[in-house]
Amino acid sequence: MSVMAFNRDRFETKTAGIALARTIGRDGLRAPTLKVVAEEANMCQSTLHKWFAGRENMLPHAAAGFAGIYWEQIAQRVNLRGWSGYLPSTKDEIYFLRAWLGIEELARSNDVVGEAVRDLWHNVRFWLRSSIGRDLTDFESGGLVVLLRGLWDGLCSAEPIDPDLAQQIWTAAYAALRDDLDSAQAA
């Protein structure tokens, strides 16, 4: 019985997360109401209210649900394309990135949503270490996160960075870290 409740909770959180992401992707950072998210999820507002007991409780759960979806998408891309999978390459991937950047912006004014964002970046740091094949120093890990966030923002800005240039910058960062690993192993 508890497994069923867990799966239902995961379904509710993911459903609200996708609806929240679509709402932010379409309408920007205007604070989404239960009504708007419910319409986007194609459900009754009362159902969404029952699931989360109001908008304030829905936002962190929906953000966490979308963070899980977004992280799974990044993990799949990294598994398929390697290091370059961290950067979006299709319109759909950029749409999801824009929605994620909107949720990150929302996290600046909502501490509970901020926890979902911090959890995602914890996972990103793990995957960065896994991609390189060694533990990264705090300096290296922090630098990669700053670079990745900057590239993500640059790819979605009003005057976007050229995707090929973004990939070259990202590849250079990876090569530098791999060179450090190769140098350390040779010594």
Protein backbone atom coordinates (compact mmCIF):
# COMPACT_ATOMS: atom_id res chain seq x y z
CA MET A 1 0.00 0.00 0.00
CA SER A 2 2.79 2.45 0.82
CA VAL A 3 4.38 1.76 -2.58
CA MET A 4 1.14 2.73 -4.26
CA ALA A 5 1.02 5.99 -2.29
CA PHE A 6 4.65 6.71 -3.19
CA ASN A 7 4.00 6.15 -6.89
CA ARG A 8 0.89 8.31 -6.76
CA ASP A 9 2.82 11.09 -5.04
CA ARG A 10 5.54 10.84 -7.71
CA PHE A 11 2.88 11.01 -10.42
CA GLU A 12 1.24 14.06 -8.85
CA THR A 13 4.55 15.83 -8.39
CA LYS A 14 5.71 15.11 -11.95
CA THR A 15 2.34 16.10 -13.41
CA ALA A 16 2.39 19.41 -11.54
CA GLY A 17 6.08 19.86 -12.40
CA ILE A 18 5.49 19.50 -16.12
CA ALA A 19 2.50 21.85 -15.95
CA LEU A 20 4.54 24.39 -13.96
CA ALA A 21 7.41 24.18 -16.47
CA ARG A 22 5.04 24.65 -19.41
CA THR A 23 3.43 27.61 -17.67
CA ILE A 24 6.78 29.26 -16.95
CA GLY A 25 8.05 28.39 -20.42
CA ARG A 26 5.01 30.01 -22.00
CA ASP A 27 4.22 32.89 -19.63
CA GLY A 28 7.61 33.65 -18.09
CA LEU A 29 8.05 34.24 -14.40
CA ARG A 30 4.59 35.50 -13.67
CA ALA A 31 3.70 33.62 -10.51
CA PRO A 32 1.63 30.67 -11.71
CA THR A 33 -1.67 30.22 -9.95
CA LEU A 34 -3.29 26.89 -9.14
CA LYS A 35 -5.85 27.62 -11.84
CA VAL A 36 -3.22 28.19 -14.54
CA VAL A 37 -1.21 25.10 -13.59
CA ALA A 38 -4.38 22.98 -13.32
CA GLU A 39 -5.48 24.10 -16.78
CA GLU A 40 -2.04 23.29 -18.17
CA ALA A 41 -2.17 19.83 -16.53
CA ASN A 42 -5.69 19.38 -17.92
CA MET A 43 -7.25 18.81 -14.52
CA CYS A 44 -9.60 20.50 -12.10
CA GLN A 45 -8.20 23.20 -9.86
CA SER A 46 -9.81 21.45 -6.88
CA THR A 47 -7.82 18.28 -7.66
CA LEU A 48 -4.55 20.19 -7.68
CA HIS A 49 -5.57 21.98 -4.49
CA LYS A 50 -6.41 18.64 -2.86
CA TRP A 51 -3.05 17.17 -3.87
CA PHE A 52 -0.97 20.04 -2.51
CA ALA A 53 -3.24 22.07 -0.18
CA GLY A 54 -2.72 25.29 -2.08
CA ARG A 55 -0.37 27.12 -4.39
CA GLU A 56 2.43 27.70 -1.90
CA ASN A 57 2.69 23.98 -1.22
CA MET A 58 2.38 23.13 -4.91
CA LEU A 59 5.32 25.25 -6.07
CA PRO A 60 8.13 23.40 -4.27
CA HIS A 61 6.66 19.98 -5.09
CA ALA A 62 6.15 20.92 -8.73
CA ALA A 63 9.66 22.40 -8.92
CA ALA A 64 11.11 19.22 -7.39
CA GLY A 65 9.06 17.15 -9.83
CA PHE A 66 10.36 19.12 -12.77
CA ALA A 67 13.92 19.01 -11.37
CA GLY A 68 13.67 15.22 -11.43
CA ILE A 69 12.41 15.23 -15.01
CA TYR A 70 15.06 17.73 -16.08
CA TRP A 71 17.84 15.78 -14.37
CA GLU A 72 16.70 12.55 -16.04
CA GLN A 73 16.80 14.33 -19.38
CA ILE A 74 20.34 15.58 -18.77
CA ALA A 75 21.44 12.12 -17.59
CA GLN A 76 20.06 10.54 -20.77
CA ARG A 77 21.83 13.11 -22.93
CA VAL A 78 25.12 12.63 -21.09
CA ASN A 79 24.81 8.86 -21.42
CA LEU A 80 24.16 9.21 -25.16
CA ARG A 81 26.44 12.11 -26.09
CA GLY A 82 29.01 12.20 -23.32
CA TRP A 83 30.26 15.52 -21.98
CA SER A 84 28.41 17.50 -24.69
CA GLY A 85 25.07 16.21 -23.33
CA TYR A 86 25.16 18.89 -20.64
CA LEU A 87 24.34 21.49 -23.29
CA PRO A 88 21.01 21.50 -25.13
CA SER A 89 21.14 20.99 -28.87
CA THR A 90 17.49 20.86 -29.98
CA LYS A 91 14.59 23.28 -29.67
CA ASP A 92 12.86 20.92 -27.22
CA GLU A 93 15.97 20.75 -25.03
CA ILE A 94 16.23 24.55 -25.07
CA TYR A 95 12.54 24.83 -24.15
CA PHE A 96 13.13 22.62 -21.10
CA LEU A 97 16.24 24.64 -20.27
CA ARG A 98 14.26 27.90 -20.41
CA ALA A 99 11.65 26.39 -18.11
CA TRP A 100 14.41 25.27 -15.72
CA LEU A 101 16.04 28.72 -15.75
CA GLY A 102 12.60 30.15 -14.91
CA ILE A 103 12.29 27.79 -11.95
CA GLU A 104 15.79 28.79 -10.82
CA GLU A 105 14.67 32.41 -10.94
CA LEU A 106 11.55 31.52 -8.96
CA ALA A 107 13.84 29.89 -6.37
CA ARG A 108 15.40 33.27 -5.63
CA SER A 109 12.20 34.39 -3.94
CA ASN A 110 11.01 31.05 -2.54
CA ASP A 111 13.34 29.17 -0.19
CA VAL A 112 11.49 25.87 -0.50
CA VAL A 113 11.69 25.99 -4.30
CA GLY A 114 15.36 26.85 -3.76
CA GLU A 115 15.85 23.45 -2.11
CA ALA A 116 14.71 21.70 -5.29
CA VAL A 117 17.17 23.78 -7.28
CA ARG A 118 20.00 23.02 -4.84
CA ASP A 119 19.21 19.31 -5.08
CA LEU A 120 19.52 19.45 -8.87
CA TRP A 121 22.89 21.17 -8.66
CA HIS A 122 24.05 18.55 -6.17
CA ASN A 123 23.24 15.94 -8.83
CA VAL A 124 24.99 17.99 -11.52
CA ARG A 125 28.16 18.13 -9.42
CA PHE A 126 27.99 14.34 -9.01
CA TRP A 127 27.62 13.84 -12.75
CA LEU A 128 30.45 16.26 -13.48
CA ARG A 129 32.72 14.22 -11.22
CA SER A 130 31.53 11.03 -12.90
CA SER A 131 32.08 12.48 -16.37
CA ILE A 132 35.66 13.46 -15.55
CA GLY A 133 36.41 10.22 -13.77
CA ARG A 134 37.84 11.66 -10.58
CA ASP A 135 36.90 13.76 -7.59
CA LEU A 136 36.93 17.44 -8.38
CA THR A 137 38.17 20.10 -6.02
CA ASP A 138 35.61 22.60 -4.79
CA PHE A 139 37.29 25.14 -7.08
CA GLU A 140 36.98 22.88 -10.14
CA SER A 141 33.42 21.84 -9.35
CA GLY A 142 32.33 25.41 -8.63
CA GLY A 143 34.00 26.64 -11.81
CA LEU A 144 32.22 24.05 -13.92
CA VAL A 145 28.86 24.91 -12.36
CA VAL A 146 29.42 28.63 -13.01
CA LEU A 147 30.51 27.88 -16.59
CA LEU A 148 27.56 25.57 -17.22
CA ARG A 149 25.04 28.04 -15.78
CA GLY A 150 26.60 30.82 -17.84
CA LEU A 151 26.45 28.76 -21.01
CA TRP A 152 22.86 27.74 -20.29
CA ASP A 153 21.91 31.36 -19.72
CA GLY A 154 23.80 32.42 -22.82
CA LEU A 155 22.03 29.84 -24.98
CA CYS A 156 18.62 31.15 -23.82
CA SER A 157 19.31 34.88 -23.73
CA ALA A 158 17.70 37.48 -25.98
CA GLU A 159 20.90 37.46 -28.04
CA PRO A 160 21.97 33.84 -27.65
CA ILE A 161 25.54 32.62 -27.80
CA ASP A 162 26.34 30.54 -30.87
CA PRO A 163 25.72 26.87 -29.91
CA ASP A 164 28.97 25.80 -31.57
CA LEU A 165 30.93 28.36 -29.56
CA ALA A 166 29.20 27.21 -26.36
CA GLN A 167 30.17 23.63 -27.19
CA GLN A 168 33.80 24.65 -27.88
CA ILE A 169 34.01 26.44 -24.52
CA TRP A 170 32.47 23.47 -22.72
CA THR A 171 34.78 21.01 -24.52
CA ALA A 172 37.83 23.12 -23.61
CA ALA A 173 36.83 22.97 -19.93
CA TYR A 174 36.47 19.19 -20.15
CA ALA A 175 39.79 18.83 -21.98
CA ALA A 176 41.57 20.91 -19.33
CA LEU A 177 40.21 18.71 -16.55
CA ARG A 178 41.02 15.51 -18.45
CA ASP A 179 44.56 16.81 -19.07
CA ASP A 180 44.92 17.40 -15.32
CA LEU A 181 43.76 13.81 -14.69
CA ASP A 182 46.16 12.41 -17.31
CA SER A 183 49.05 14.45 -15.85
CA ALA A 184 48.26 13.22 -12.34
CA GLN A 185 48.10 9.60 -13.48
CA ALA A 186 51.40 9.91 -15.39
CA ALA A 187 53.18 11.26 -12.31
